[in-house]
Amino acid sequence: MPEGFAALTTVLMVLLALLALFNAAQAVYPRLTWELTKWRFRNPEAVEPSRAAFQLRRVAALMRFTVFLAAAMLVFGLG
């Protein structure tokens, strides 16, 4: 395997792992992105997303986690 291809594969694997880790954290704690971005609003309590929106975020994070995990397994050849 050429040297450049190995480095690219390593960078891709690290990126996929970080994305999977962030989405796993968001699946466990769906308020994570809200907590990280609510500082932008003057009155965050007035524009806080609903409980249903947080549940949808959890479902979306689980789906993205599955995709990133599958992609990481394909890159490493574990699947």
N, C-alpha and C. Protein backbone atom coordinates (compact mmCIF):
# COMPACT_ATOMS: atom_id res chain seq x y z
N MET A 1 0.85 -1.17 0.00
CA MET A 1 0.00 0.00 0.00
C MET A 1 0.91 1.24 0.00
N PRO A 2 0.66 2.20 -0.90
CA PRO A 2 1.49 3.41 -0.94
C PRO A 2 1.39 4.21 0.36
N GLU A 3 2.45 4.95 0.65
CA GLU A 3 2.53 5.73 1.89
C GLU A 3 1.41 6.76 2.01
N GLY A 4 1.11 7.47 0.93
CA GLY A 4 0.07 8.48 0.96
C GLY A 4 -1.30 7.89 1.20
N PHE A 5 -1.56 6.71 0.62
CA PHE A 5 -2.85 6.05 0.80
C PHE A 5 -3.03 5.60 2.24
N ALA A 6 -1.97 5.14 2.87
CA ALA A 6 -2.04 4.71 4.27
C ALA A 6 -2.35 5.91 5.18
N ALA A 7 -1.73 7.05 4.88
CA ALA A 7 -1.97 8.24 5.69
C ALA A 7 -3.41 8.72 5.50
N LEU A 8 -3.90 8.68 4.27
CA LEU A 8 -5.27 9.09 4.00
C LEU A 8 -6.27 8.16 4.70
N THR A 9 -5.99 6.88 4.70
CA THR A 9 -6.85 5.92 5.37
C THR A 9 -6.87 6.17 6.88
N THR A 10 -5.73 6.51 7.44
CA THR A 10 -5.65 6.79 8.88
C THR A 10 -6.45 8.05 9.22
N VAL A 11 -6.30 9.09 8.42
CA VAL A 11 -7.05 10.33 8.66
C VAL A 11 -8.55 10.06 8.54
N LEU A 12 -8.94 9.30 7.53
CA LEU A 12 -10.36 8.98 7.35
C LEU A 12 -10.89 8.17 8.52
N MET A 13 -10.11 7.24 9.02
CA MET A 13 -10.55 6.42 10.15
C MET A 13 -10.72 7.27 11.41
N VAL A 14 -9.78 8.18 11.66
CA VAL A 14 -9.88 9.05 12.84
C VAL A 14 -11.11 9.95 12.71
N LEU A 15 -11.34 10.50 11.53
CA LEU A 15 -12.51 11.35 11.32
C LEU A 15 -13.81 10.58 11.53
N LEU A 16 -13.89 9.39 10.98
CA LEU A 16 -15.10 8.57 11.16
C LEU A 16 -15.30 8.20 12.62
N ALA A 17 -14.22 7.91 13.32
CA ALA A 17 -14.33 7.56 14.74
C ALA A 17 -14.82 8.75 15.56
N LEU A 18 -14.30 9.95 15.27
CA LEU A 18 -14.76 11.13 15.99
C LEU A 18 -16.22 11.44 15.70
N LEU A 19 -16.63 11.31 14.46
CA LEU A 19 -18.02 11.54 14.11
C LEU A 19 -18.93 10.51 14.79
N ALA A 20 -18.51 9.26 14.81
CA ALA A 20 -19.30 8.23 15.48
C ALA A 20 -19.39 8.49 16.98
N LEU A 21 -18.29 8.92 17.57
CA LEU A 21 -18.27 9.20 19.01
C LEU A 21 -19.19 10.37 19.35
N PHE A 22 -19.15 11.45 18.55
CA PHE A 22 -20.02 12.59 18.80
C PHE A 22 -21.49 12.18 18.66
N ASN A 23 -21.81 11.38 17.66
CA ASN A 23 -23.20 10.98 17.47
C ASN A 23 -23.64 10.01 18.55
N ALA A 24 -22.76 9.18 19.06
CA ALA A 24 -23.11 8.32 20.18
C ALA A 24 -23.40 9.16 21.42
N ALA A 25 -22.60 10.19 21.65
CA ALA A 25 -22.85 11.09 22.78
C ALA A 25 -24.18 11.82 22.61
N GLN A 26 -24.48 12.23 21.39
CA GLN A 26 -25.74 12.93 21.15
C GLN A 26 -26.93 11.97 21.27
N ALA A 27 -26.74 10.70 20.94
CA ALA A 27 -27.83 9.73 21.11
C ALA A 27 -28.13 9.51 22.59
N VAL A 28 -27.10 9.52 23.42
CA VAL A 28 -27.28 9.35 24.85
C VAL A 28 -27.81 10.64 25.48
N TYR A 29 -27.30 11.78 25.04
CA TYR A 29 -27.69 13.08 25.58
C TYR A 29 -28.08 13.99 24.42
N PRO A 30 -29.34 13.91 23.96
CA PRO A 30 -29.75 14.66 22.77
C PRO A 30 -29.74 16.18 22.93
N ARG A 31 -29.64 16.67 24.16
CA ARG A 31 -29.56 18.12 24.38
C ARG A 31 -28.16 18.66 24.15
N LEU A 32 -27.21 17.81 23.78
CA LEU A 32 -25.82 18.22 23.64
C LEU A 32 -25.64 19.38 22.67
N THR A 33 -26.18 19.29 21.48
CA THR A 33 -26.00 20.38 20.51
C THR A 33 -26.70 21.65 20.98
N TRP A 34 -27.83 21.50 21.67
CA TRP A 34 -28.51 22.68 22.19
C TRP A 34 -27.66 23.35 23.27
N GLU A 35 -27.08 22.56 24.14
CA GLU A 35 -26.25 23.12 25.21
C GLU A 35 -25.02 23.82 24.63
N LEU A 36 -24.50 23.32 23.51
CA LEU A 36 -23.32 23.92 22.90
C LEU A 36 -23.63 25.18 22.11
N THR A 37 -24.88 25.36 21.68
CA THR A 37 -25.21 26.49 20.81
C THR A 37 -26.20 27.48 21.40
N LYS A 38 -26.72 27.23 22.58
CA LYS A 38 -27.74 28.14 23.12
C LYS A 38 -27.18 29.50 23.49
N TRP A 39 -25.89 29.65 23.61
CA TRP A 39 -25.28 30.93 23.93
C TRP A 39 -25.55 31.98 22.85
N ARG A 40 -25.91 31.55 21.65
CA ARG A 40 -26.14 32.48 20.55
C ARG A 40 -27.44 33.27 20.70
N PHE A 41 -28.33 32.81 21.55
CA PHE A 41 -29.64 33.45 21.69
C PHE A 41 -29.68 34.36 22.91
N ARG A 42 -30.38 35.45 22.77
CA ARG A 42 -30.51 36.40 23.86
C ARG A 42 -31.32 35.79 25.00
N ASN A 43 -32.39 35.07 24.67
CA ASN A 43 -33.24 34.42 25.67
C ASN A 43 -33.38 32.94 25.28
N PRO A 44 -32.43 32.10 25.64
CA PRO A 44 -32.44 30.71 25.20
C PRO A 44 -33.66 29.92 25.66
N GLU A 45 -34.23 30.25 26.80
CA GLU A 45 -35.39 29.51 27.29
C GLU A 45 -36.60 29.71 26.38
N ALA A 46 -36.67 30.85 25.72
CA ALA A 46 -37.81 31.15 24.85
C ALA A 46 -37.77 30.38 23.54
N VAL A 47 -36.59 29.97 23.11
CA VAL A 47 -36.46 29.29 21.81
C VAL A 47 -35.96 27.86 21.95
N GLU A 48 -35.98 27.33 23.16
CA GLU A 48 -35.51 25.96 23.37
C GLU A 48 -36.39 24.97 22.61
N PRO A 49 -35.79 24.00 21.94
CA PRO A 49 -36.57 23.00 21.20
C PRO A 49 -37.47 22.18 22.14
N SER A 50 -38.49 21.59 21.56
CA SER A 50 -39.43 20.79 22.34
C SER A 50 -38.85 19.41 22.66
N ARG A 51 -39.55 18.70 23.50
CA ARG A 51 -39.14 17.33 23.86
C ARG A 51 -39.15 16.43 22.62
N ALA A 52 -40.14 16.62 21.75
CA ALA A 52 -40.22 15.83 20.51
C ALA A 52 -39.02 16.11 19.61
N ALA A 53 -38.59 17.36 19.56
CA ALA A 53 -37.42 17.70 18.74
C ALA A 53 -36.17 17.02 19.28
N PHE A 54 -36.04 16.95 20.59
CA PHE A 54 -34.88 16.26 21.17
C PHE A 54 -34.94 14.75 20.89
N GLN A 55 -36.12 14.17 20.91
CA GLN A 55 -36.25 12.75 20.59
C GLN A 55 -35.91 12.49 19.12
N LEU A 56 -36.32 13.39 18.24
CA LEU A 56 -35.96 13.25 16.83
C LEU A 56 -34.45 13.38 16.64
N ARG A 57 -33.83 14.26 17.40
CA ARG A 57 -32.37 14.37 17.35
C ARG A 57 -31.71 13.08 17.80
N ARG A 58 -32.29 12.44 18.81
CA ARG A 58 -31.74 11.17 19.29
C ARG A 58 -31.82 10.09 18.21
N VAL A 59 -32.96 10.00 17.54
CA VAL A 59 -33.13 9.00 16.48
C VAL A 59 -32.16 9.29 15.34
N ALA A 60 -32.05 10.55 14.95
CA ALA A 60 -31.14 10.92 13.86
C ALA A 60 -29.69 10.62 14.24
N ALA A 61 -29.32 10.88 15.49
CA ALA A 61 -27.96 10.61 15.95
C ALA A 61 -27.68 9.11 15.94
N LEU A 62 -28.65 8.30 16.31
CA LEU A 62 -28.47 6.84 16.26
C LEU A 62 -28.27 6.36 14.83
N MET A 63 -29.03 6.93 13.90
CA MET A 63 -28.88 6.53 12.50
C MET A 63 -27.52 6.97 11.96
N ARG A 64 -27.09 8.20 12.28
CA ARG A 64 -25.76 8.65 11.83
C ARG A 64 -24.66 7.84 12.48
N PHE A 65 -24.82 7.49 13.75
CA PHE A 65 -23.82 6.65 14.43
C PHE A 65 -23.67 5.32 13.70
N THR A 66 -24.78 4.72 13.32
CA THR A 66 -24.74 3.45 12.60
C THR A 66 -24.02 3.59 11.27
N VAL A 67 -24.31 4.66 10.55
CA VAL A 67 -23.66 4.88 9.25
C VAL A 67 -22.16 5.09 9.42
N PHE A 68 -21.75 5.93 10.37
CA PHE A 68 -20.33 6.19 10.56
C PHE A 68 -19.60 4.96 11.07
N LEU A 69 -20.23 4.18 11.92
CA LEU A 69 -19.61 2.96 12.41
C LEU A 69 -19.44 1.96 11.28
N ALA A 70 -20.45 1.82 10.42
CA ALA A 70 -20.35 0.91 9.29
C ALA A 70 -19.26 1.38 8.32
N ALA A 71 -19.18 2.69 8.08
CA ALA A 71 -18.14 3.21 7.20
C ALA A 71 -16.75 2.97 7.79
N ALA A 72 -16.60 3.15 9.09
CA ALA A 72 -15.31 2.89 9.73
C ALA A 72 -14.94 1.42 9.62
N MET A 73 -15.92 0.54 9.77
CA MET A 73 -15.63 -0.89 9.63
C MET A 73 -15.23 -1.24 8.21
N LEU A 74 -15.84 -0.60 7.23
CA LEU A 74 -15.47 -0.84 5.84
C LEU A 74 -14.06 -0.33 5.54
N VAL A 75 -13.69 0.81 6.11
CA VAL A 75 -12.35 1.36 5.89
C VAL A 75 -11.30 0.44 6.48
N PHE A 76 -11.55 -0.08 7.65
CA PHE A 76 -10.59 -0.99 8.30
C PHE A 76 -10.72 -2.44 7.83
N GLY A 77 -11.75 -2.72 7.08
CA GLY A 77 -11.93 -4.08 6.59
C GLY A 77 -12.42 -5.04 7.66
N LEU A 78 -13.15 -4.55 8.62
CA LEU A 78 -13.65 -5.40 9.69
C LEU A 78 -15.03 -5.99 9.38
N GLY A 79 -15.66 -5.50 8.34
CA GLY A 79 -17.02 -5.91 8.05
C GLY A 79 -17.17 -6.92 6.98
